[in-house]
Amino acid sequence: MTHSLVCPETVSRVSSVLNRNARQFGKKHLFDQNEETCWNSDQGPSQWVTLEFPQRIRVSQLQIQFQGGFSSRRGHLEGSQGSEALNKIVDFYPEDNNSLQISLGCGIGGGWSVPLKAVGP
């Protein structure tokens, strides 16, 4: 059984917010469980989400959902321990639709215990 590693103590950061309108498009919508809302980034070559967890975690699955028509074509997951530099763990290639996309294992399960950063152009 899987459960979200995101908790109230998880610190999240995003590269940008569409039109700087955090109320309507801000990072708070990343994990609000409401399909009517979402984080919207501004345009640019690389948009990202960074999550800093309050304790060491083990990532076994990555779940991501885009609005259809607004998907990244390529992304990658990076991780580090403490203040170390981020290292790429795995690339992923989301589909441009509104479905929940789940990557099982995807090279991040077997022992990786890292903070999570998803990056996509």
PDB file of N, CA and C in Angstrom:
ATOM      1  N   MET A   1       0.844  -1.183   0.000  1.00  0.00           N
ATOM      2  CA  MET A   1       0.000   0.000   0.000  1.00  0.00           C
ATOM      3  C   MET A   1       0.885   1.241   0.000  1.00  0.00           C
ATOM      4  N   THR A   2       0.550   2.204  -0.831  1.00  0.00           N
ATOM      5  CA  THR A   2       1.331   3.430  -0.887  1.00  0.00           C
ATOM      6  C   THR A   2       0.560   4.566  -0.231  1.00  0.00           C
ATOM      7  N   HIS A   3       1.308   5.541   0.235  1.00  0.00           N
ATOM      8  CA  HIS A   3       0.700   6.744   0.781  1.00  0.00           C
ATOM      9  C   HIS A   3       1.590   7.918   0.412  1.00  0.00           C
ATOM     10  N   SER A   4       1.033   9.086   0.418  1.00  0.00           N
ATOM     11  CA  SER A   4       1.786  10.280   0.058  1.00  0.00           C
ATOM     12  C   SER A   4       2.850  10.574   1.103  1.00  0.00           C
ATOM     13  N   LEU A   5       4.032  10.925   0.633  1.00  0.00           N
ATOM     14  CA  LEU A   5       5.116  11.318   1.526  1.00  0.00           C
ATOM     15  C   LEU A   5       5.034  12.796   1.899  1.00  0.00           C
ATOM     16  N   VAL A   6       4.144  13.513   1.214  1.00  0.00           N
ATOM     17  CA  VAL A   6       3.974  14.938   1.493  1.00  0.00           C
ATOM     18  C   VAL A   6       3.154  15.091   2.767  1.00  0.00           C
ATOM     19  N   CYS A   7       3.671  15.863   3.711  1.00  0.00           N
ATOM     20  CA  CYS A   7       3.002  16.090   4.984  1.00  0.00           C
ATOM     21  C   CYS A   7       3.031  17.595   5.281  1.00  0.00           C
ATOM     22  N   PRO A   8       2.370  18.045   6.324  1.00  0.00           N
ATOM     23  CA  PRO A   8       2.359  19.485   6.622  1.00  0.00           C
ATOM     24  C   PRO A   8       3.753  20.092   6.819  1.00  0.00           C
ATOM     25  N   GLU A   9       4.727  19.276   7.223  1.00  0.00           N
ATOM     26  CA  GLU A   9       6.081  19.789   7.440  1.00  0.00           C
ATOM     27  C   GLU A   9       6.931  19.789   6.166  1.00  0.00           C
ATOM     28  N   THR A  10       6.408  19.249   5.057  1.00  0.00           N
ATOM     29  CA  THR A  10       7.137  19.238   3.787  1.00  0.00           C
ATOM     30  C   THR A  10       7.189  20.652   3.232  1.00  0.00           C
ATOM     31  N   VAL A  11       8.387  21.102   2.912  1.00  0.00           N
ATOM     32  CA  VAL A  11       8.579  22.436   2.327  1.00  0.00           C
ATOM     33  C   VAL A  11       8.565  22.294   0.813  1.00  0.00           C
ATOM     34  N   SER A  12       7.704  23.059   0.143  1.00  0.00           N
ATOM     35  CA  SER A  12       7.643  23.001  -1.320  1.00  0.00           C
ATOM     36  C   SER A  12       8.020  24.361  -1.912  1.00  0.00           C
ATOM     37  N   ARG A  13       8.672  24.294  -3.061  1.00  0.00           N
ATOM     38  CA  ARG A  13       9.019  25.488  -3.828  1.00  0.00           C
ATOM     39  C   ARG A  13       8.712  25.198  -5.285  1.00  0.00           C
ATOM     40  N   VAL A  14       8.380  26.242  -6.038  1.00  0.00           N
ATOM     41  CA  VAL A  14       8.126  26.101  -7.474  1.00  0.00           C
ATOM     42  C   VAL A  14       8.912  27.163  -8.222  1.00  0.00           C
ATOM     43  N   SER A  15       9.173  26.886  -9.487  1.00  0.00           N
ATOM     44  CA  SER A  15       9.979  27.794 -10.302  1.00  0.00           C
ATOM     45  C   SER A  15       9.275  29.117 -10.560  1.00  0.00           C
ATOM     46  N   SER A  16       7.964  29.087 -10.753  1.00  0.00           N
ATOM     47  CA  SER A  16       7.206  30.293 -11.061  1.00  0.00           C
ATOM     48  C   SER A  16       5.722  30.015 -10.883  1.00  0.00           C
ATOM     49  N   VAL A  17       4.934  31.063 -10.913  1.00  0.00           N
ATOM     50  CA  VAL A  17       3.479  30.961 -10.847  1.00  0.00           C
ATOM     51  C   VAL A  17       2.910  31.838 -11.948  1.00  0.00           C
ATOM     52  N   LEU A  18       1.954  31.298 -12.689  1.00  0.00           N
ATOM     53  CA  LEU A  18       1.365  32.011 -13.820  1.00  0.00           C
ATOM     54  C   LEU A  18       0.886  33.397 -13.405  1.00  0.00           C
ATOM     55  N   ASN A  19       1.366  34.403 -14.098  1.00  0.00           N
ATOM     56  CA  ASN A  19       1.002  35.803 -13.849  1.00  0.00           C
ATOM     57  C   ASN A  19       1.194  36.224 -12.391  1.00  0.00           C
ATOM     58  N   ARG A  20       2.046  35.500 -11.665  1.00  0.00           N
ATOM     59  CA  ARG A  20       2.305  35.754 -10.244  1.00  0.00           C
ATOM     60  C   ARG A  20       1.033  35.726  -9.400  1.00  0.00           C
ATOM     61  N   ASN A  21       0.036  34.984  -9.887  1.00  0.00           N
ATOM     62  CA  ASN A  21      -1.252  34.884  -9.214  1.00  0.00           C
ATOM     63  C   ASN A  21      -1.259  33.642  -8.314  1.00  0.00           C
ATOM     64  N   ALA A  22      -0.619  33.737  -7.153  1.00  0.00           N
ATOM     65  CA  ALA A  22      -0.495  32.598  -6.242  1.00  0.00           C
ATOM     66  C   ALA A  22      -1.847  32.147  -5.700  1.00  0.00           C
ATOM     67  N   ARG A  23      -2.797  33.052  -5.570  1.00  0.00           N
ATOM     68  CA  ARG A  23      -4.115  32.690  -5.051  1.00  0.00           C
ATOM     69  C   ARG A  23      -4.800  31.672  -5.972  1.00  0.00           C
ATOM     70  N   GLN A  24      -4.750  31.922  -7.275  1.00  0.00           N
ATOM     71  CA  GLN A  24      -5.434  31.049  -8.227  1.00  0.00           C
ATOM     72  C   GLN A  24      -4.549  29.903  -8.735  1.00  0.00           C
ATOM     73  N   PHE A  25      -3.228  30.128  -8.852  1.00  0.00           N
ATOM     74  CA  PHE A  25      -2.357  29.157  -9.511  1.00  0.00           C
ATOM     75  C   PHE A  25      -1.163  28.719  -8.669  1.00  0.00           C
ATOM     76  N   GLY A  26      -1.118  29.077  -7.393  1.00  0.00           N
ATOM     77  CA  GLY A  26       0.058  28.850  -6.557  1.00  0.00           C
ATOM     78  C   GLY A  26       0.329  27.404  -6.193  1.00  0.00           C
ATOM     79  N   LYS A  27       1.481  27.203  -5.566  1.00  0.00           N
ATOM     80  CA  LYS A  27       1.946  25.863  -5.200  1.00  0.00           C
ATOM     81  C   LYS A  27       1.017  25.146  -4.231  1.00  0.00           C
ATOM     82  N   LYS A  28       0.197  25.882  -3.499  1.00  0.00           N
ATOM     83  CA  LYS A  28      -0.730  25.237  -2.557  1.00  0.00           C
ATOM     84  C   LYS A  28      -1.680  24.286  -3.273  1.00  0.00           C
ATOM     85  N   HIS A  29      -1.846  24.482  -4.580  1.00  0.00           N
ATOM     86  CA  HIS A  29      -2.745  23.625  -5.355  1.00  0.00           C
ATOM     87  C   HIS A  29      -2.088  22.335  -5.833  1.00  0.00           C
ATOM     88  N   LEU A  30      -0.787  22.168  -5.590  1.00  0.00           N
ATOM     89  CA  LEU A  30      -0.106  20.939  -5.996  1.00  0.00           C
ATOM     90  C   LEU A  30      -0.675  19.706  -5.311  1.00  0.00           C
ATOM     91  N   PHE A  31      -1.024  19.841  -4.033  1.00  0.00           N
ATOM     92  CA  PHE A  31      -1.410  18.680  -3.223  1.00  0.00           C
ATOM     93  C   PHE A  31      -2.755  18.860  -2.539  1.00  0.00           C
ATOM     94  N   ASP A  32      -3.632  19.686  -3.105  1.00  0.00           N
ATOM     95  CA  ASP A  32      -4.903  19.961  -2.429  1.00  0.00           C
ATOM     96  C   ASP A  32      -5.992  18.926  -2.722  1.00  0.00           C
ATOM     97  N   GLN A  33      -5.681  17.901  -3.520  1.00  0.00           N
ATOM     98  CA  GLN A  33      -6.623  16.822  -3.842  1.00  0.00           C
ATOM     99  C   GLN A  33      -7.873  17.308  -4.569  1.00  0.00           C
ATOM    100  N   ASN A  34      -7.818  18.482  -5.175  1.00  0.00           N
ATOM    101  CA  ASN A  34      -8.953  19.041  -5.895  1.00  0.00           C
ATOM    102  C   ASN A  34      -8.617  19.078  -7.380  1.00  0.00           C
ATOM    103  N   GLU A  35      -9.326  18.309  -8.199  1.00  0.00           N
ATOM    104  CA  GLU A  35      -9.043  18.273  -9.629  1.00  0.00           C
ATOM    105  C   GLU A  35      -9.447  19.558 -10.340  1.00  0.00           C
ATOM    106  N   GLU A  36     -10.136  20.447  -9.659  1.00  0.00           N
ATOM    107  CA  GLU A  36     -10.527  21.722 -10.253  1.00  0.00           C
ATOM    108  C   GLU A  36      -9.421  22.769 -10.124  1.00  0.00           C
ATOM    109  N   THR A  37      -8.398  22.492  -9.328  1.00  0.00           N
ATOM    110  CA  THR A  37      -7.306  23.442  -9.133  1.00  0.00           C
ATOM    111  C   THR A  37      -5.986  22.787  -9.511  1.00  0.00           C
ATOM    112  N   CYS A  38      -4.984  23.606  -9.764  1.00  0.00           N
ATOM    113  CA  CYS A  38      -3.647  23.083 -10.031  1.00  0.00           C
ATOM    114  C   CYS A  38      -2.637  24.217  -9.936  1.00  0.00           C
ATOM    115  N   TRP A  39      -1.370  23.833  -9.773  1.00  0.00           N
ATOM    116  CA  TRP A  39      -0.286  24.798  -9.873  1.00  0.00           C
ATOM    117  C   TRP A  39      -0.078  25.077 -11.352  1.00  0.00           C
ATOM    118  N   ASN A  40      -0.009  26.337 -11.726  1.00  0.00           N
ATOM    119  CA  ASN A  40       0.302  26.727 -13.102  1.00  0.00           C
ATOM    120  C   ASN A  40       1.581  27.535 -13.071  1.00  0.00           C
ATOM    121  N   SER A  41       2.559  27.095 -13.830  1.00  0.00           N
ATOM    122  CA  SER A  41       3.810  27.842 -13.923  1.00  0.00           C
ATOM    123  C   SER A  41       3.693  28.887 -15.015  1.00  0.00           C
ATOM    124  N   ASP A  42       4.572  29.862 -14.960  1.00  0.00           N
ATOM    125  CA  ASP A  42       4.708  30.789 -16.073  1.00  0.00           C
ATOM    126  C   ASP A  42       5.405  30.052 -17.198  1.00  0.00           C
ATOM    127  N   GLN A  43       5.484  30.676 -18.364  1.00  0.00           N
ATOM    128  CA  GLN A  43       6.199  30.072 -19.482  1.00  0.00           C
ATOM    129  C   GLN A  43       7.695  30.164 -19.239  1.00  0.00           C
ATOM    130  N   GLY A  44       8.416  29.280 -19.862  1.00  0.00           N
ATOM    131  CA  GLY A  44       9.858  29.281 -19.744  1.00  0.00           C
ATOM    132  C   GLY A  44      10.417  27.923 -20.100  1.00  0.00           C
ATOM    133  N   PRO A  45      11.705  27.868 -20.328  1.00  0.00           N
ATOM    134  CA  PRO A  45      12.319  26.618 -20.790  1.00  0.00           C
ATOM    135  C   PRO A  45      12.377  25.520 -19.733  1.00  0.00           C
ATOM    136  N   SER A  46      12.397  25.865 -18.470  1.00  0.00           N
ATOM    137  CA  SER A  46      12.478  24.842 -17.427  1.00  0.00           C
ATOM    138  C   SER A  46      11.646  25.271 -16.230  1.00  0.00           C
ATOM    139  N   GLN A  47      10.666  24.464 -15.901  1.00  0.00           N
ATOM    140  CA  GLN A  47       9.836  24.706 -14.726  1.00  0.00           C
ATOM    141  C   GLN A  47      10.064  23.547 -13.773  1.00  0.00           C
ATOM    142  N   TRP A  48      10.010  23.808 -12.470  1.00  0.00           N
ATOM    143  CA  TRP A  48      10.343  22.767 -11.517  1.00  0.00           C
ATOM    144  C   TRP A  48       9.548  22.895 -10.232  1.00  0.00           C
ATOM    145  N   VAL A  49       9.530  21.788  -9.511  1.00  0.00           N
ATOM    146  CA  VAL A  49       8.938  21.690  -8.178  1.00  0.00           C
ATOM    147  C   VAL A  49       9.994  21.055  -7.287  1.00  0.00           C
ATOM    148  N   THR A  50      10.237  21.630  -6.128  1.00  0.00           N
ATOM    149  CA  THR A  50      11.169  21.064  -5.158  1.00  0.00           C
ATOM    150  C   THR A  50      10.410  20.756  -3.875  1.00  0.00           C
ATOM    151  N   LEU A  51      10.647  19.572  -3.333  1.00  0.00           N
ATOM    152  CA  LEU A  51      10.051  19.170  -2.068  1.00  0.00           C
ATOM    153  C   LEU A  51      11.170  18.830  -1.101  1.00  0.00           C
ATOM    154  N   GLU A  52      11.119  19.431   0.081  1.00  0.00           N
ATOM    155  CA  GLU A  52      12.075  19.099   1.142  1.00  0.00           C
ATOM    156  C   GLU A  52      11.299  18.458   2.276  1.00  0.00           C
ATOM    157  N   PHE A  53      11.615  17.192   2.518  1.00  0.00           N
ATOM    158  CA  PHE A  53      10.898  16.427   3.527  1.00  0.00           C
ATOM    159  C   PHE A  53      11.558  16.581   4.887  1.00  0.00           C
ATOM    160  N   PRO A  54      10.763  16.500   5.968  1.00  0.00           N
ATOM    161  CA  PRO A  54      11.317  16.696   7.310  1.00  0.00           C
ATOM    162  C   PRO A  54      12.177  15.527   7.790  1.00  0.00           C
ATOM    163  N   GLN A  55      12.108  14.398   7.093  1.00  0.00           N
ATOM    164  CA  GLN A  55      12.924  13.241   7.453  1.00  0.00           C
ATOM    165  C   GLN A  55      13.336  12.531   6.168  1.00  0.00           C
ATOM    166  N   ARG A  56      14.254  11.619   6.302  1.00  0.00           N
ATOM    167  CA  ARG A  56      14.704  10.819   5.172  1.00  0.00           C
ATOM    168  C   ARG A  56      13.526   9.979   4.679  1.00  0.00           C
ATOM    169  N   ILE A  57      13.365   9.874   3.365  1.00  0.00           N
ATOM    170  CA  ILE A  57      12.233   9.148   2.795  1.00  0.00           C
ATOM    171  C   ILE A  57      12.712   8.099   1.801  1.00  0.00           C
ATOM    172  N   ARG A  58      11.830   7.176   1.495  1.00  0.00           N
ATOM    173  CA  ARG A  58      12.093   6.176   0.453  1.00  0.00           C
ATOM    174  C   ARG A  58      11.021   6.368  -0.621  1.00  0.00           C
ATOM    175  N   VAL A  59      11.443   6.696  -1.823  1.00  0.00           N
ATOM    176  CA  VAL A  59      10.524   6.916  -2.937  1.00  0.00           C
ATOM    177  C   VAL A  59      10.360   5.606  -3.685  1.00  0.00           C
ATOM    178  N   SER A  60       9.121   5.119  -3.789  1.00  0.00           N
ATOM    179  CA  SER A  60       8.873   3.879  -4.517  1.00  0.00           C
ATOM    180  C   SER A  60       7.976   4.099  -5.727  1.00  0.00           C
ATOM    181  N   GLN A  61       7.362   5.270  -5.813  1.00  0.00           N
ATOM    182  CA  GLN A  61       6.414   5.535  -6.881  1.00  0.00           C
ATOM    183  C   GLN A  61       6.319   7.036  -7.084  1.00  0.00           C
ATOM    184  N   LEU A  62       6.202   7.451  -8.323  1.00  0.00           N
ATOM    185  CA  LEU A  62       5.995   8.855  -8.652  1.00  0.00           C
ATOM    186  C   LEU A  62       4.646   8.970  -9.336  1.00  0.00           C
ATOM    187  N   GLN A  63       3.773   9.825  -8.804  1.00  0.00           N
ATOM    188  CA  GLN A  63       2.469  10.076  -9.403  1.00  0.00           C
ATOM    189  C   GLN A  63       2.421  11.529  -9.826  1.00  0.00           C
ATOM    190  N   ILE A  64       1.996  11.759 -11.063  1.00  0.00           N
ATOM    191  CA  ILE A  64       1.936  13.123 -11.583  1.00  0.00           C
ATOM    192  C   ILE A  64       0.715  13.240 -12.488  1.00  0.00           C
ATOM    193  N   GLN A  65       0.083  14.414 -12.467  1.00  0.00           N
ATOM    194  CA  GLN A  65      -1.087  14.640 -13.300  1.00  0.00           C
ATOM    195  C   GLN A  65      -1.006  16.044 -13.872  1.00  0.00           C
ATOM    196  N   PHE A  66      -1.132  16.156 -15.184  1.00  0.00           N
ATOM    197  CA  PHE A  66      -1.127  17.442 -15.873  1.00  0.00           C
ATOM    198  C   PHE A  66      -2.529  17.742 -16.372  1.00  0.00           C
ATOM    199  N   GLN A  67      -2.806  19.011 -16.628  1.00  0.00           N
ATOM    200  CA  GLN A  67      -4.002  19.361 -17.375  1.00  0.00           C
ATOM    201  C   GLN A  67      -3.718  18.969 -18.813  1.00  0.00           C
ATOM    202  N   GLY A  68      -4.660  18.364 -19.494  1.00  0.00           N
ATOM    203  CA  GLY A  68      -4.463  18.020 -20.902  1.00  0.00           C
ATOM    204  C   GLY A  68      -4.114  19.258 -21.701  1.00  0.00           C
ATOM    205  N   GLY A  69      -3.086  19.138 -22.548  1.00  0.00           N
ATOM    206  CA  GLY A  69      -2.653  20.268 -23.369  1.00  0.00           C
ATOM    207  C   GLY A  69      -1.573  21.108 -22.730  1.00  0.00           C
ATOM    208  N   PHE A  70      -1.222  20.817 -21.480  1.00  0.00           N
ATOM    209  CA  PHE A  70      -0.228  21.628 -20.780  1.00  0.00           C
ATOM    210  C   PHE A  70       0.871  20.777 -20.153  1.00  0.00           C
ATOM    211  N   SER A  71       1.123  19.620 -20.716  1.00  0.00           N
ATOM    212  CA  SER A  71       2.080  18.684 -20.140  1.00  0.00           C
ATOM    213  C   SER A  71       3.499  18.976 -20.583  1.00  0.00           C
ATOM    214  N   SER A  72       4.414  18.683 -19.701  1.00  0.00           N
ATOM    215  CA  SER A  72       5.816  18.653 -20.065  1.00  0.00           C
ATOM    216  C   SER A  72       6.034  17.419 -20.925  1.00  0.00           C
ATOM    217  N   ARG A  73       6.948  17.474 -21.865  1.00  0.00           N
ATOM    218  CA  ARG A  73       7.254  16.305 -22.679  1.00  0.00           C
ATOM    219  C   ARG A  73       8.298  15.419 -22.025  1.00  0.00           C
ATOM    220  N   ARG A  74       9.096  16.033 -21.173  1.00  0.00           N
ATOM    221  CA  ARG A  74      10.179  15.303 -20.526  1.00  0.00           C
ATOM    222  C   ARG A  74      10.384  15.896 -19.146  1.00  0.00           C
ATOM    223  N   GLY A  75      10.679  15.062 -18.212  1.00  0.00           N
ATOM    224  CA  GLY A  75      11.004  15.519 -16.868  1.00  0.00           C
ATOM    225  C   GLY A  75      12.056  14.613 -16.286  1.00  0.00           C
ATOM    226  N   HIS A  76      12.577  15.000 -15.167  1.00  0.00           N
ATOM    227  CA  HIS A  76      13.470  14.096 -14.449  1.00  0.00           C
ATOM    228  C   HIS A  76      13.348  14.324 -12.962  1.00  0.00           C
ATOM    229  N   LEU A  77      13.655  13.273 -12.253  1.00  0.00           N
ATOM    230  CA  LEU A  77      13.601  13.273 -10.807  1.00  0.00           C
ATOM    231  C   LEU A  77      15.026  13.376 -10.299  1.00  0.00           C
ATOM    232  N   GLU A  78      15.249  14.299  -9.369  1.00  0.00           N
ATOM    233  CA  GLU A  78      16.561  14.472  -8.763  1.00  0.00           C
ATOM    234  C   GLU A  78      16.430  14.309  -7.263  1.00  0.00           C
ATOM    235  N   GLY A  79      17.509  13.964  -6.613  1.00  0.00           N
ATOM    236  CA  GLY A  79      17.477  13.834  -5.169  1.00  0.00           C
ATOM    237  C   GLY A  79      18.843  14.079  -4.565  1.00  0.00           C
ATOM    238  N   SER A  80      18.829  14.330  -3.280  1.00  0.00           N
ATOM    239  CA  SER A  80      20.073  14.510  -2.532  1.00  0.00           C
ATOM    240  C   SER A  80      19.805  14.222  -1.063  1.00  0.00           C
ATOM    241  N   GLN A  81      20.875  14.148  -0.305  1.00  0.00           N
ATOM    242  CA  GLN A  81      20.755  13.999   1.130  1.00  0.00           C
ATOM    243  C   GLN A  81      21.306  15.248   1.786  1.00  0.00           C
ATOM    244  N   GLY A  82      20.500  15.860   2.633  1.00  0.00           N
ATOM    245  CA  GLY A  82      20.944  17.065   3.326  1.00  0.00           C
ATOM    246  C   GLY A  82      21.262  18.188   2.362  1.00  0.00           C
ATOM    247  N   SER A  83      22.437  18.777   2.512  1.00  0.00           N
ATOM    248  CA  SER A  83      22.809  19.933   1.685  1.00  0.00           C
ATOM    249  C   SER A  83      23.642  19.536   0.466  1.00  0.00           C
ATOM    250  N   GLU A  84      23.726  18.252   0.174  1.00  0.00           N
ATOM    251  CA  GLU A  84      24.467  17.798  -0.999  1.00  0.00           C
ATOM    252  C   GLU A  84      23.819  18.314  -2.274  1.00  0.00           C
ATOM    253  N   ALA A  85      24.598  18.344  -3.354  1.00  0.00           N
ATOM    254  CA  ALA A  85      24.071  18.741  -4.657  1.00  0.00           C
ATOM    255  C   ALA A  85      23.069  17.697  -5.146  1.00  0.00           C
ATOM    256  N   LEU A  86      22.075  18.165  -5.897  1.00  0.00           N
ATOM    257  CA  LEU A  86      21.088  17.252  -6.460  1.00  0.00           C
ATOM    258  C   LEU A  86      21.725  16.410  -7.564  1.00  0.00           C
ATOM    259  N   ASN A  87      21.317  15.147  -7.639  1.00  0.00           N
ATOM    260  CA  ASN A  87      21.764  14.229  -8.677  1.00  0.00           C
ATOM    261  C   ASN A  87      20.549  13.654  -9.377  1.00  0.00           C
ATOM    262  N   LYS A  88      20.627  13.526 -10.712  1.00  0.00           N
ATOM    263  CA  LYS A  88      19.508  12.945 -11.458  1.00  0.00           C
ATOM    264  C   LYS A  88      19.372  11.470 -11.112  1.00  0.00           C
ATOM    265  N   ILE A  89      18.133  11.057 -10.846  1.00  0.00           N
ATOM    266  CA  ILE A  89      17.833   9.675 -10.529  1.00  0.00           C
ATOM    267  C   ILE A  89      17.226   8.971 -11.742  1.00  0.00           C
ATOM    268  N   VAL A  90      16.239   9.611 -12.363  1.00  0.00           N
ATOM    269  CA  VAL A  90      15.550   8.972 -13.475  1.00  0.00           C
ATOM    270  C   VAL A  90      14.879  10.037 -14.346  1.00  0.00           C
ATOM    271  N   ASP A  91      14.809   9.775 -15.651  1.00  0.00           N
ATOM    272  CA  ASP A  91      14.019  10.590 -16.574  1.00  0.00           C
ATOM    273  C   ASP A  91      12.619  10.007 -16.643  1.00  0.00           C
ATOM    274  N   PHE A  92      11.625  10.846 -16.914  1.00  0.00           N
ATOM    275  CA  PHE A  92      10.281  10.352 -17.167  1.00  0.00           C
ATOM    276  C   PHE A  92       9.673  11.168 -18.289  1.00  0.00           C
ATOM    277  N   TYR A  93       8.725  10.578 -19.007  1.00  0.00           N
ATOM    278  CA  TYR A  93       8.141  11.178 -20.201  1.00  0.00           C
ATOM    279  C   TYR A  93       6.625  11.139 -20.079  1.00  0.00           C
ATOM    280  N   PRO A  94       6.045  12.167 -19.467  1.00  0.00           N
ATOM    281  CA  PRO A  94       4.598  12.155 -19.230  1.00  0.00           C
ATOM    282  C   PRO A  94       3.799  12.271 -20.521  1.00  0.00           C
ATOM    283  N   GLU A  95       2.608  11.706 -20.488  1.00  0.00           N
ATOM    284  CA  GLU A  95       1.677  11.841 -21.603  1.00  0.00           C
ATOM    285  C   GLU A  95       0.918  13.142 -21.440  1.00  0.00           C
ATOM    286  N   ASP A  96       0.564  13.745 -22.569  1.00  0.00           N
ATOM    287  CA  ASP A  96      -0.136  15.028 -22.559  1.00  0.00           C
ATOM    288  C   ASP A  96      -1.641  14.802 -22.454  1.00  0.00           C
ATOM    289  N   ASN A  97      -2.066  14.373 -21.280  1.00  0.00           N
ATOM    290  CA  ASN A  97      -3.492  14.190 -21.030  1.00  0.00           C
ATOM    291  C   ASN A  97      -3.756  14.454 -19.554  1.00  0.00           C
ATOM    292  N   ASN A  98      -4.994  14.370 -19.181  1.00  0.00           N
ATOM    293  CA  ASN A  98      -5.392  14.727 -17.817  1.00  0.00           C
ATOM    294  C   ASN A  98      -5.445  13.528 -16.877  1.00  0.00           C
ATOM    295  N   SER A  99      -4.853  12.402 -17.270  1.00  0.00           N
ATOM    296  CA  SER A  99      -4.930  11.216 -16.423  1.00  0.00           C
ATOM    297  C   SER A  99      -3.812  11.211 -15.377  1.00  0.00           C
ATOM    298  N   LEU A 100      -4.070  10.526 -14.275  1.00  0.00           N
ATOM    299  CA  LEU A 100      -3.043  10.332 -13.261  1.00  0.00           C
ATOM    300  C   LEU A 100      -2.030   9.351 -13.824  1.00  0.00           C
ATOM    301  N   GLN A 101      -0.771   9.754 -13.860  1.00  0.00           N
ATOM    302  CA  GLN A 101       0.282   8.918 -14.409  1.00  0.00           C
ATOM    303  C   GLN A 101       1.169   8.439 -13.269  1.00  0.00           C
ATOM    304  N   ILE A 102       1.400   7.144 -13.242  1.00  0.00           N
ATOM    305  CA  ILE A 102       2.140   6.540 -12.146  1.00  0.00           C
ATOM    306  C   ILE A 102       3.346   5.803 -12.695  1.00  0.00           C
ATOM    307  N   SER A 103       4.504   6.102 -12.152  1.00  0.00           N
ATOM    308  CA  SER A 103       5.723   5.378 -12.489  1.00  0.00           C
ATOM    309  C   SER A 103       6.068   4.496 -11.307  1.00  0.00           C
ATOM    310  N   LEU A 104       6.019   3.201 -11.517  1.00  0.00           N
ATOM    311  CA  LEU A 104       6.372   2.245 -10.465  1.00  0.00           C
ATOM    312  C   LEU A 104       7.835   1.892 -10.594  1.00  0.00           C
ATOM    313  N   GLY A 105       8.520   1.891  -9.494  1.00  0.00           N
ATOM    314  CA  GLY A 105       9.937   1.528  -9.527  1.00  0.00           C
ATOM    315  C   GLY A 105      10.748   2.588 -10.215  1.00  0.00           C
ATOM    316  N   CYS A 106      10.636   2.699 -11.487  1.00  0.00           N
ATOM    317  CA  CYS A 106      11.315   3.668 -12.357  1.00  0.00           C
ATOM    318  C   CYS A 106      12.726   3.998 -11.885  1.00  0.00           C
ATOM    319  N   GLY A 107      13.404   2.988 -11.340  1.00  0.00           N
ATOM    320  CA  GLY A 107      14.782   3.183 -10.936  1.00  0.00           C
ATOM    321  C   GLY A 107      14.954   3.912  -9.618  1.00  0.00           C
ATOM    322  N   ILE A 108      13.848   4.254  -8.938  1.00  0.00           N
ATOM    323  CA  ILE A 108      13.998   5.034  -7.718  1.00  0.00           C
ATOM    324  C   ILE A 108      13.655   4.246  -6.472  1.00  0.00           C
ATOM    325  N   GLY A 109      13.143   3.037  -6.637  1.00  0.00           N
ATOM    326  CA  GLY A 109      12.722   2.277  -5.471  1.00  0.00           C
ATOM    327  C   GLY A 109      13.871   1.706  -4.684  1.00  0.00           C
ATOM    328  N   GLY A 110      14.614   0.806  -5.271  1.00  0.00           N
ATOM    329  CA  GLY A 110      15.605   0.010  -4.585  1.00  0.00           C
ATOM    330  C   GLY A 110      16.593   0.758  -3.715  1.00  0.00           C
ATOM    331  N   GLY A 111      16.153   1.291  -2.635  1.00  0.00           N
ATOM    332  CA  GLY A 111      17.075   1.857  -1.673  1.00  0.00           C
ATOM    333  C   GLY A 111      17.290   3.358  -1.758  1.00  0.00           C
ATOM    334  N   TRP A 112      16.775   4.002  -2.767  1.00  0.00           N
ATOM    335  CA  TRP A 112      16.920   5.463  -2.821  1.00  0.00           C
ATOM    336  C   TRP A 112      16.135   6.083  -1.689  1.00  0.00           C
ATOM    337  N   SER A 113      16.768   6.858  -0.887  1.00  0.00           N
ATOM    338  CA  SER A 113      16.106   7.589   0.193  1.00  0.00           C
ATOM    339  C   SER A 113      16.526   9.042   0.062  1.00  0.00           C
ATOM    340  N   VAL A 114      15.688   9.835  -0.556  1.00  0.00           N
ATOM    341  CA  VAL A 114      16.124  11.163  -0.983  1.00  0.00           C
ATOM    342  C   VAL A 114      15.002  12.183  -0.879  1.00  0.00           C
ATOM    343  N   PRO A 115      15.356  13.468  -0.761  1.00  0.00           N
ATOM    344  CA  PRO A 115      14.357  14.499  -1.029  1.00  0.00           C
ATOM    345  C   PRO A 115      13.994  14.406  -2.507  1.00  0.00           C
ATOM    346  N   LEU A 116      12.888  14.971  -2.898  1.00  0.00           N
ATOM    347  CA  LEU A 116      12.371  14.812  -4.245  1.00  0.00           C
ATOM    348  C   LEU A 116      12.327  16.143  -4.960  1.00  0.00           C
ATOM    349  N   LYS A 117      12.799  16.166  -6.203  1.00  0.00           N
ATOM    350  CA  LYS A 117      12.669  17.342  -7.055  1.00  0.00           C
ATOM    351  C   LYS A 117      12.260  16.859  -8.430  1.00  0.00           C
ATOM    352  N   ALA A 118      11.133  17.319  -8.912  1.00  0.00           N
ATOM    353  CA  ALA A 118      10.705  16.992 -10.258  1.00  0.00           C
ATOM    354  C   ALA A 118      10.938  18.206 -11.129  1.00  0.00           C
ATOM    355  N   VAL A 119      11.581  18.017 -12.252  1.00  0.00           N
ATOM    356  CA  VAL A 119      11.941  19.114 -13.135  1.00  0.00           C
ATOM    357  C   VAL A 119      11.403  18.812 -14.503  1.00  0.00           C
ATOM    358  N   GLY A 120      10.803  19.765 -15.157  1.00  0.00           N
ATOM    359  CA  GLY A 120      10.317  19.561 -16.518  1.00  0.00           C
ATOM    360  C   GLY A 120      10.401  20.833 -17.328  1.00  0.00           C
ATOM    361  N   PRO A 121      10.747  20.688 -18.603  1.00  0.00           N
ATOM    362  CA  PRO A 121      10.817  21.877 -19.458  1.00  0.00           C
ATOM    363  C   PRO A 121       9.433  22.365 -19.831  1.00  0.00           C
TER     364      PRO A 121
END
